[in-house]
Full PDB file with SEQRES, HELIX, SHEET, SSBOND, CRYST1, ORIGX, SCALE, CONECT and MASTER records, all heavy atoms in Angstrom:
SEQRES   1 A   35  GLY SER PHE GLY PRO LYS THR LEU ARG ALA VAL LYS LYS          
SEQRES   2 A   35  PHE GLN SER SER LYS GLY LEU VAL ALA ASP GLY ILE VAL          
SEQRES   3 A   35  GLY PRO LYS THR ARG ASN ALA LEU PHE                          
HELIX    1 AA1 PRO A    5  SER A   17  1                                  13    
HELIX    2 AA2 PRO A   28  LEU A   34  1                                   7    
CRYST1    1.000    1.000    1.000  90.00  90.00  90.00 P 1           1          
ORIGX1      1.000000  0.000000  0.000000        0.00000                         
ORIGX2      0.000000  1.000000  0.000000        0.00000                         
ORIGX3      0.000000  0.000000  1.000000        0.00000                         
SCALE1      1.000000  0.000000  0.000000        0.00000                         
SCALE2      0.000000  1.000000  0.000000        0.00000                         
SCALE3      0.000000  0.000000  1.000000        0.00000                         
ATOM      1  N   GLY A   1    -110.124  44.216 144.827  1.00  0.00           N  
ATOM      2  CA  GLY A   1    -108.710  44.319 144.497  1.00  0.00           C  
ATOM      3  C   GLY A   1    -108.183  45.736 144.392  1.00  0.00           C  
ATOM      4  O   GLY A   1    -107.043  45.945 143.974  1.00  0.00           O  
ATOM      5  N   SER A   2    -108.975  46.714 144.805  1.00  0.00           N  
ATOM      6  CA  SER A   2    -108.562  48.122 144.724  1.00  0.00           C  
ATOM      7  C   SER A   2    -108.608  48.753 146.133  1.00  0.00           C  
ATOM      8  O   SER A   2    -109.644  48.777 146.781  1.00  0.00           O  
ATOM      9  CB  SER A   2    -109.475  48.894 143.768  1.00  0.00           C  
ATOM     10  OG  SER A   2    -109.094  50.253 143.697  1.00  0.00           O  
ATOM     11  N   PHE A   3    -107.472  49.234 146.600  1.00  0.00           N  
ATOM     12  CA  PHE A   3    -107.348  49.845 147.940  1.00  0.00           C  
ATOM     13  C   PHE A   3    -107.848  51.272 147.865  1.00  0.00           C  
ATOM     14  O   PHE A   3    -107.087  52.225 147.656  1.00  0.00           O  
ATOM     15  CB  PHE A   3    -105.902  49.794 148.380  1.00  0.00           C  
ATOM     16  CG  PHE A   3    -105.692  49.988 149.876  1.00  0.00           C  
ATOM     17  CD1 PHE A   3    -104.857  49.133 150.582  1.00  0.00           C  
ATOM     18  CD2 PHE A   3    -106.288  51.021 150.562  1.00  0.00           C  
ATOM     19  CE1 PHE A   3    -104.633  49.292 151.957  1.00  0.00           C  
ATOM     20  CE2 PHE A   3    -106.090  51.193 151.930  1.00  0.00           C  
ATOM     21  CZ  PHE A   3    -105.255  50.335 152.620  1.00  0.00           C  
ATOM     22  N   GLY A   4    -109.155  51.442 148.018  1.00  0.00           N  
ATOM     23  CA  GLY A   4    -109.774  52.757 147.952  1.00  0.00           C  
ATOM     24  C   GLY A   4    -110.238  53.252 149.298  1.00  0.00           C  
ATOM     25  O   GLY A   4    -109.828  52.723 150.351  1.00  0.00           O  
ATOM     26  N   PRO A   5    -111.126  54.233 149.337  1.00  0.00           N  
ATOM     27  CA  PRO A   5    -111.600  54.829 150.601  1.00  0.00           C  
ATOM     28  C   PRO A   5    -112.222  53.834 151.548  1.00  0.00           C  
ATOM     29  O   PRO A   5    -111.997  53.886 152.758  1.00  0.00           O  
ATOM     30  CB  PRO A   5    -112.617  55.875 150.118  1.00  0.00           C  
ATOM     31  CG  PRO A   5    -112.201  56.224 148.729  1.00  0.00           C  
ATOM     32  CD  PRO A   5    -111.668  54.957 148.157  1.00  0.00           C  
ATOM     33  N   LYS A   6    -113.045  52.899 151.037  1.00  0.00           N  
ATOM     34  CA  LYS A   6    -113.707  51.937 151.904  1.00  0.00           C  
ATOM     35  C   LYS A   6    -112.690  51.026 152.587  1.00  0.00           C  
ATOM     36  O   LYS A   6    -112.797  50.752 153.796  1.00  0.00           O  
ATOM     37  CB  LYS A   6    -114.716  51.111 151.090  1.00  0.00           C  
ATOM     38  CG  LYS A   6    -115.543  50.175 151.947  1.00  0.00           C  
ATOM     39  CD  LYS A   6    -116.610  49.465 151.112  1.00  0.00           C  
ATOM     40  CE  LYS A   6    -117.469  48.532 151.975  1.00  0.00           C  
ATOM     41  NZ  LYS A   6    -118.524  47.866 151.175  1.00  0.00           N  
ATOM     42  N   THR A   7    -111.701  50.567 151.830  1.00  0.00           N  
ATOM     43  CA  THR A   7    -110.663  49.703 152.390  1.00  0.00           C  
ATOM     44  C   THR A   7    -109.825  50.493 153.394  1.00  0.00           C  
ATOM     45  O   THR A   7    -109.450  49.970 154.451  1.00  0.00           O  
ATOM     46  CB  THR A   7    -109.756  49.146 151.266  1.00  0.00           C  
ATOM     47  OG1 THR A   7    -110.560  48.427 150.325  1.00  0.00           O  
ATOM     48  CG2 THR A   7    -108.694  48.195 151.836  1.00  0.00           C  
ATOM     49  N   LEU A   8    -109.525  51.746 153.081  1.00  0.00           N  
ATOM     50  CA  LEU A   8    -108.752  52.580 153.997  1.00  0.00           C  
ATOM     51  C   LEU A   8    -109.467  52.711 155.330  1.00  0.00           C  
ATOM     52  O   LEU A   8    -108.839  52.586 156.406  1.00  0.00           O  
ATOM     53  CB  LEU A   8    -108.520  53.952 153.378  1.00  0.00           C  
ATOM     54  CG  LEU A   8    -107.681  54.933 154.183  1.00  0.00           C  
ATOM     55  CD1 LEU A   8    -106.274  54.425 154.403  1.00  0.00           C  
ATOM     56  CD2 LEU A   8    -107.646  56.296 153.493  1.00  0.00           C  
ATOM     57  N   ARG A   9    -110.755  52.974 155.296  1.00  0.00           N  
ATOM     58  CA  ARG A   9    -111.545  53.101 156.529  1.00  0.00           C  
ATOM     59  C   ARG A   9    -111.513  51.811 157.318  1.00  0.00           C  
ATOM     60  O   ARG A   9    -111.362  51.817 158.549  1.00  0.00           O  
ATOM     61  CB  ARG A   9    -112.985  53.526 156.218  1.00  0.00           C  
ATOM     62  CG  ARG A   9    -113.130  54.970 155.752  1.00  0.00           C  
ATOM     63  CD  ARG A   9    -114.585  55.404 155.794  1.00  0.00           C  
ATOM     64  NE  ARG A   9    -115.419  54.599 154.883  1.00  0.00           N  
ATOM     65  CZ  ARG A   9    -115.647  54.907 153.616  1.00  0.00           C  
ATOM     66  NH1 ARG A   9    -115.085  56.002 153.089  1.00  0.00           N  
ATOM     67  NH2 ARG A   9    -116.409  54.154 152.864  1.00  0.00           N  
ATOM     68  N   ALA A  10    -111.655  50.690 156.616  1.00  0.00           N  
ATOM     69  CA  ALA A  10    -111.686  49.378 157.273  1.00  0.00           C  
ATOM     70  C   ALA A  10    -110.319  49.073 157.923  1.00  0.00           C  
ATOM     71  O   ALA A  10    -110.263  48.511 159.028  1.00  0.00           O  
ATOM     72  CB  ALA A  10    -112.050  48.292 156.270  1.00  0.00           C  
ATOM     73  N   VAL A  11    -109.237  49.403 157.238  1.00  0.00           N  
ATOM     74  CA  VAL A  11    -107.901  49.164 157.773  1.00  0.00           C  
ATOM     75  C   VAL A  11    -107.661  49.997 159.028  1.00  0.00           C  
ATOM     76  O   VAL A  11    -107.184  49.496 160.061  1.00  0.00           O  
ATOM     77  CB  VAL A  11    -106.814  49.471 156.711  1.00  0.00           C  
ATOM     78  CG1 VAL A  11    -105.424  49.487 157.368  1.00  0.00           C  
ATOM     79  CG2 VAL A  11    -106.847  48.435 155.596  1.00  0.00           C  
ATOM     80  N   LYS A  12    -108.016  51.288 158.981  1.00  0.00           N  
ATOM     81  CA  LYS A  12    -107.834  52.150 160.123  1.00  0.00           C  
ATOM     82  C   LYS A  12    -108.659  51.685 161.317  1.00  0.00           C  
ATOM     83  O   LYS A  12    -108.195  51.735 162.479  1.00  0.00           O  
ATOM     84  CB  LYS A  12    -108.188  53.606 159.768  1.00  0.00           C  
ATOM     85  CG  LYS A  12    -107.174  54.275 158.842  1.00  0.00           C  
ATOM     86  CD  LYS A  12    -107.548  55.726 158.592  1.00  0.00           C  
ATOM     87  CE  LYS A  12    -106.496  56.456 157.787  1.00  0.00           C  
ATOM     88  NZ  LYS A  12    -106.822  57.866 157.551  1.00  0.00           N  
ATOM     89  N   LYS A  13    -109.873  51.232 161.030  1.00  0.00           N  
ATOM     90  CA  LYS A  13    -110.728  50.715 162.110  1.00  0.00           C  
ATOM     91  C   LYS A  13    -110.114  49.492 162.738  1.00  0.00           C  
ATOM     92  O   LYS A  13    -110.090  49.327 163.984  1.00  0.00           O  
ATOM     93  CB  LYS A  13    -112.119  50.401 161.560  1.00  0.00           C  
ATOM     94  CG  LYS A  13    -113.094  49.892 162.614  1.00  0.00           C  
ATOM     95  CD  LYS A  13    -114.462  49.614 161.999  1.00  0.00           C  
ATOM     96  CE  LYS A  13    -115.432  49.078 163.055  1.00  0.00           C  
ATOM     97  NZ  LYS A  13    -116.793  48.787 162.445  1.00  0.00           N  
ATOM     98  N   PHE A  14    -109.581  48.587 161.907  1.00  0.00           N  
ATOM     99  CA  PHE A  14    -108.903  47.385 162.423  1.00  0.00           C  
ATOM    100  C   PHE A  14    -107.694  47.747 163.246  1.00  0.00           C  
ATOM    101  O   PHE A  14    -107.470  47.202 164.328  1.00  0.00           O  
ATOM    102  CB  PHE A  14    -108.522  46.477 161.252  1.00  0.00           C  
ATOM    103  CG  PHE A  14    -107.712  45.279 161.651  1.00  0.00           C  
ATOM    104  CD1 PHE A  14    -108.328  44.141 162.192  1.00  0.00           C  
ATOM    105  CD2 PHE A  14    -106.329  45.271 161.545  1.00  0.00           C  
ATOM    106  CE1 PHE A  14    -107.582  43.056 162.602  1.00  0.00           C  
ATOM    107  CE2 PHE A  14    -105.573  44.191 161.951  1.00  0.00           C  
ATOM    108  CZ  PHE A  14    -106.212  43.070 162.486  1.00  0.00           C  
ATOM    109  N   GLN A  15    -106.876  48.659 162.737  1.00  0.00           N  
ATOM    110  CA  GLN A  15    -105.662  49.049 163.442  1.00  0.00           C  
ATOM    111  C   GLN A  15    -106.012  49.642 164.822  1.00  0.00           C  
ATOM    112  O   GLN A  15    -105.348  49.316 165.806  1.00  0.00           O  
ATOM    113  CB  GLN A  15    -104.877  50.083 162.603  1.00  0.00           C  
ATOM    114  CG  GLN A  15    -104.239  49.471 161.368  1.00  0.00           C  
ATOM    115  CD  GLN A  15    -103.604  50.501 160.458  1.00  0.00           C  
ATOM    116  OE1 GLN A  15    -104.150  51.611 160.303  1.00  0.00           O  
ATOM    117  NE2 GLN A  15    -102.487  50.178 159.844  1.00  0.00           N  
ATOM    118  N   SER A  16    -107.040  50.454 164.868  1.00  0.00           N  
ATOM    119  CA  SER A  16    -107.446  51.065 166.149  1.00  0.00           C  
ATOM    120  C   SER A  16    -107.901  49.991 167.126  1.00  0.00           C  
ATOM    121  O   SER A  16    -107.594  50.054 168.322  1.00  0.00           O  
ATOM    122  CB  SER A  16    -108.584  52.061 165.910  1.00  0.00           C  
ATOM    123  OG  SER A  16    -108.129  53.175 165.156  1.00  0.00           O  
ATOM    124  N   SER A  17    -108.593  48.971 166.605  1.00  0.00           N  
ATOM    125  CA  SER A  17    -109.086  47.908 167.473  1.00  0.00           C  
ATOM    126  C   SER A  17    -107.966  47.073 168.069  1.00  0.00           C  
ATOM    127  O   SER A  17    -108.151  46.403 169.082  1.00  0.00           O  
ATOM    128  CB  SER A  17    -110.057  47.006 166.719  1.00  0.00           C  
ATOM    129  OG  SER A  17    -109.368  46.204 165.765  1.00  0.00           O  
ATOM    130  N   LYS A  18    -106.809  47.081 167.399  1.00  0.00           N  
ATOM    131  CA  LYS A  18    -105.669  46.298 167.869  1.00  0.00           C  
ATOM    132  C   LYS A  18    -104.608  47.140 168.580  1.00  0.00           C  
ATOM    133  O   LYS A  18    -103.541  46.663 168.920  1.00  0.00           O  
ATOM    134  CB  LYS A  18    -105.010  45.584 166.665  1.00  0.00           C  
ATOM    135  CG  LYS A  18    -105.904  44.562 165.994  1.00  0.00           C  
ATOM    136  CD  LYS A  18    -106.258  43.427 166.917  1.00  0.00           C  
ATOM    137  CE  LYS A  18    -107.119  42.388 166.217  1.00  0.00           C  
ATOM    138  NZ  LYS A  18    -107.476  41.251 167.103  1.00  0.00           N  
ATOM    139  N   GLY A  19    -104.931  48.435 168.791  1.00  0.00           N  
ATOM    140  CA  GLY A  19    -103.990  49.300 169.484  1.00  0.00           C  
ATOM    141  C   GLY A  19    -102.811  49.715 168.626  1.00  0.00           C  
ATOM    142  O   GLY A  19    -101.759  50.105 169.159  1.00  0.00           O  
ATOM    143  N   LEU A  20    -102.958  49.642 167.318  1.00  0.00           N  
ATOM    144  CA  LEU A  20    -101.895  50.009 166.390  1.00  0.00           C  
ATOM    145  C   LEU A  20    -102.097  51.458 165.913  1.00  0.00           C  
ATOM    146  O   LEU A  20    -103.176  52.027 166.076  1.00  0.00           O  
ATOM    147  CB  LEU A  20    -101.892  49.093 165.174  1.00  0.00           C  
ATOM    148  CG  LEU A  20    -101.718  47.585 165.445  1.00  0.00           C  
ATOM    149  CD1 LEU A  20    -101.933  46.781 164.176  1.00  0.00           C  
ATOM    150  CD2 LEU A  20    -100.326  47.306 166.009  1.00  0.00           C  
ATOM    151  N   VAL A  21    -101.057  52.019 165.344  1.00  0.00           N  
ATOM    152  CA  VAL A  21    -101.168  53.355 164.764  1.00  0.00           C  
ATOM    153  C   VAL A  21    -102.117  53.273 163.572  1.00  0.00           C  
ATOM    154  O   VAL A  21    -101.882  52.510 162.624  1.00  0.00           O  
ATOM    155  CB  VAL A  21     -99.788  53.885 164.309  1.00  0.00           C  
ATOM    156  CG1 VAL A  21     -99.946  55.236 163.601  1.00  0.00           C  
ATOM    157  CG2 VAL A  21     -98.849  53.981 165.506  1.00  0.00           C  
ATOM    158  N   ALA A  22    -103.186  54.043 163.602  1.00  0.00           N  
ATOM    159  CA  ALA A  22    -104.214  53.956 162.552  1.00  0.00           C  
ATOM    160  C   ALA A  22    -103.828  54.845 161.354  1.00  0.00           C  
ATOM    161  O   ALA A  22    -104.440  55.881 161.095  1.00  0.00           O  
ATOM    162  CB  ALA A  22    -105.568  54.375 163.099  1.00  0.00           C  
ATOM    163  N   ASP A  23    -102.780  54.393 160.636  1.00  0.00           N  
ATOM    164  CA  ASP A  23    -102.296  55.175 159.502  1.00  0.00           C  
ATOM    165  C   ASP A  23    -102.819  54.647 158.153  1.00  0.00           C  
ATOM    166  O   ASP A  23    -102.533  55.235 157.113  1.00  0.00           O  
ATOM    167  CB  ASP A  23    -100.767  55.210 159.481  1.00  0.00           C  
ATOM    168  CG  ASP A  23    -100.138  53.816 159.470  1.00  0.00           C  
ATOM    169  OD1 ASP A  23    -100.877  52.819 159.342  1.00  0.00           O  
ATOM    170  OD2 ASP A  23     -98.895  53.728 159.588  1.00  0.00           O  
ATOM    171  N   GLY A  24    -103.544  53.503 158.205  1.00  0.00           N  
ATOM    172  CA  GLY A  24    -104.101  52.954 156.975  1.00  0.00           C  
ATOM    173  C   GLY A  24    -103.094  52.216 156.113  1.00  0.00           C  
ATOM    174  O   GLY A  24    -103.430  51.743 155.028  1.00  0.00           O  
ATOM    175  N   ILE A  25    -101.866  52.065 156.591  1.00  0.00           N  
ATOM    176  CA  ILE A  25    -100.819  51.344 155.857  1.00  0.00           C  
ATOM    177  C   ILE A  25    -100.703  49.926 156.425  1.00  0.00           C  
ATOM    178  O   ILE A  25    -100.484  49.763 157.626  1.00  0.00           O  
ATOM    179  CB  ILE A  25     -99.477  52.070 155.947  1.00  0.00           C  
ATOM    180  CG1 ILE A  25     -99.578  53.468 155.332  1.00  0.00           C  
ATOM    181  CG2 ILE A  25     -98.372  51.266 155.241  1.00  0.00           C  
ATOM    182  CD1 ILE A  25     -98.324  54.321 155.526  1.00  0.00           C  
ATOM    183  N   VAL A  26    -100.807  48.945 155.568  1.00  0.00           N  
ATOM    184  CA  VAL A  26    -100.754  47.546 156.008  1.00  0.00           C  
ATOM    185  C   VAL A  26     -99.301  47.080 155.887  1.00  0.00           C  
ATOM    186  O   VAL A  26     -98.863  46.514 154.888  1.00  0.00           O  
ATOM    187  CB  VAL A  26    -101.696  46.654 155.176  1.00  0.00           C  
ATOM    188  CG1 VAL A  26    -101.688  45.220 155.716  1.00  0.00           C  
ATOM    189  CG2 VAL A  26    -103.114  47.235 155.194  1.00  0.00           C  
ATOM    190  N   GLY A  27     -98.550  47.351 156.939  1.00  0.00           N  
ATOM    191  CA  GLY A  27     -97.166  46.934 157.006  1.00  0.00           C  
ATOM    192  C   GLY A  27     -97.018  45.698 157.887  1.00  0.00           C  
ATOM    193  O   GLY A  27     -98.002  45.023 158.192  1.00  0.00           O  
ATOM    194  N   PRO A  28     -95.790  45.369 158.322  1.00  0.00           N  
ATOM    195  CA  PRO A  28     -95.544  44.142 159.101  1.00  0.00           C  
ATOM    196  C   PRO A  28     -96.413  44.002 160.369  1.00  0.00           C  
ATOM    197  O   PRO A  28     -96.961  42.926 160.625  1.00  0.00           O  
ATOM    198  CB  PRO A  28     -94.056  44.240 159.472  1.00  0.00           C  
ATOM    199  CG  PRO A  28     -93.480  45.058 158.357  1.00  0.00           C  
ATOM    200  CD  PRO A  28     -94.534  46.053 158.005  1.00  0.00           C  
ATOM    201  N   LYS A  29     -96.562  45.101 161.146  1.00  0.00           N  
ATOM    202  CA  LYS A  29     -97.317  44.991 162.394  1.00  0.00           C  
ATOM    203  C   LYS A  29     -98.801  44.736 162.121  1.00  0.00           C  
ATOM    204  O   LYS A  29     -99.435  43.907 162.800  1.00  0.00           O  
ATOM    205  CB  LYS A  29     -97.145  46.249 163.229  1.00  0.00           C  
ATOM    206  CG  LYS A  29     -95.750  46.406 163.809  1.00  0.00           C  
ATOM    207  CD  LYS A  29     -95.660  47.620 164.731  1.00  0.00           C  
ATOM    208  CE  LYS A  29     -94.277  47.750 165.330  1.00  0.00           C  
ATOM    209  NZ  LYS A  29     -94.169  48.937 166.227  1.00  0.00           N  
ATOM    210  N   THR A  30     -99.354  45.404 161.115  1.00  0.00           N  
ATOM    211  CA  THR A  30    -100.750  45.182 160.790  1.00  0.00           C  
ATOM    212  C   THR A  30    -100.961  43.789 160.204  1.00  0.00           C  
ATOM    213  O   THR A  30    -101.955  43.113 160.525  1.00  0.00           O  
ATOM    214  CB  THR A  30    -101.244  46.274 159.796  1.00  0.00           C  
ATOM    215  OG1 THR A  30    -101.092  47.553 160.413  1.00  0.00           O  
ATOM    216  CG2 THR A  30    -102.728  46.060 159.468  1.00  0.00           C  
ATOM    217  N   ARG A  31    -100.021  43.347 159.344  1.00  0.00           N  
ATOM    218  CA  ARG A  31    -100.127  41.990 158.782  1.00  0.00           C  
ATOM    219  C   ARG A  31    -100.073  40.944 159.910  1.00  0.00           C  
ATOM    220  O   ARG A  31    -100.817  39.985 159.926  1.00  0.00           O  
ATOM    221  CB  ARG A  31     -98.999  41.713 157.789  1.00  0.00           C  
ATOM    222  CG  ARG A  31     -99.192  42.384 156.443  1.00  0.00           C  
ATOM    223  CD  ARG A  31     -98.297  41.693 155.390  1.00  0.00           C  
ATOM    224  NE  ARG A  31     -96.915  41.577 155.816  1.00  0.00           N  
ATOM    225  CZ  ARG A  31     -95.986  42.486 155.590  1.00  0.00           C  
ATOM    226  NH1 ARG A  31     -96.282  43.595 154.954  1.00  0.00           N  
ATOM    227  NH2 ARG A  31     -94.736  42.276 155.991  1.00  0.00           N  
ATOM    228  N   ASN A  32     -99.154  41.151 160.853  1.00  0.00           N  
ATOM    229  CA  ASN A  32     -99.060  40.214 161.984  1.00  0.00           C  
ATOM    230  C   ASN A  32    -100.381  40.129 162.750  1.00  0.00           C  
ATOM    231  O   ASN A  32    -100.839  39.045 163.101  1.00  0.00           O  
ATOM    232  CB  ASN A  32     -97.950  40.635 162.944  1.00  0.00           C  
ATOM    233  CG  ASN A  32     -96.554  40.431 162.347  1.00  0.00           C  
ATOM    234  OD1 ASN A  32     -96.397  39.677 161.396  1.00  0.00           O  
ATOM    235  ND2 ASN A  32     -95.570  41.069 162.937  1.00  0.00           N  
ATOM    236  N   ALA A  33    -100.994  41.273 162.963  1.00  0.00           N  
ATOM    237  CA  ALA A  33    -102.274  41.286 163.677  1.00  0.00           C  
ATOM    238  C   ALA A  33    -103.374  40.630 162.863  1.00  0.00           C  
ATOM    239  O   ALA A  33    -104.229  39.919 163.410  1.00  0.00           O  
ATOM    240  CB  ALA A  33    -102.680  42.730 164.004  1.00  0.00           C  
ATOM    241  N   LEU A  34    -103.352  40.780 161.566  1.00  0.00           N  
ATOM    242  CA  LEU A  34    -104.365  40.198 160.702  1.00  0.00           C  
ATOM    243  C   LEU A  34    -104.275  38.666 160.681  1.00  0.00           C  
ATOM    244  O   LEU A  34    -105.298  37.996 160.699  1.00  0.00           O  
ATOM    245  CB  LEU A  34    -104.183  40.710 159.257  1.00  0.00           C  
ATOM    246  CG  LEU A  34    -104.748  42.083 158.927  1.00  0.00           C  
ATOM    247  CD1 LEU A  34    -104.187  42.575 157.593  1.00  0.00           C  
ATOM    248  CD2 LEU A  34    -106.255  42.066 158.894  1.00  0.00           C  
ATOM    249  N   PHE A  35    -103.051  38.136 160.670  1.00  0.00           N  
ATOM    250  CA  PHE A  35    -102.859  36.700 160.480  1.00  0.00           C  
ATOM    251  C   PHE A  35    -102.409  35.949 161.691  1.00  0.00           C  
ATOM    252  O   PHE A  35    -102.010  34.788 161.609  1.00  0.00           O  
ATOM    253  CB  PHE A  35    -101.875  36.470 159.324  1.00  0.00           C  
ATOM    254  CG  PHE A  35    -102.353  37.005 158.006  1.00  0.00           C  
ATOM    255  CD1 PHE A  35    -101.701  38.057 157.413  1.00  0.00           C  
ATOM    256  CD2 PHE A  35    -103.472  36.454 157.375  1.00  0.00           C  
ATOM    257  CE1 PHE A  35    -102.142  38.565 156.188  1.00  0.00           C  
ATOM    258  CE2 PHE A  35    -103.915  36.933 156.185  1.00  0.00           C  
ATOM    259  CZ  PHE A  35    -103.264  37.982 155.564  1.00  0.00           C  
TER     260      PHE A  35                                                      
MASTER        0    0    0    2    0    0    0    6  259    1    0    3          
END                                                                             
């Protein structure tokens, strides 16, 4: 439940895999890709 360094790295890795901007922010585009 804490968005720390490990979660940040995982988010950026996911964003890169989906061709998104790897900024570590889980906004609408990243949420759409997740779900």
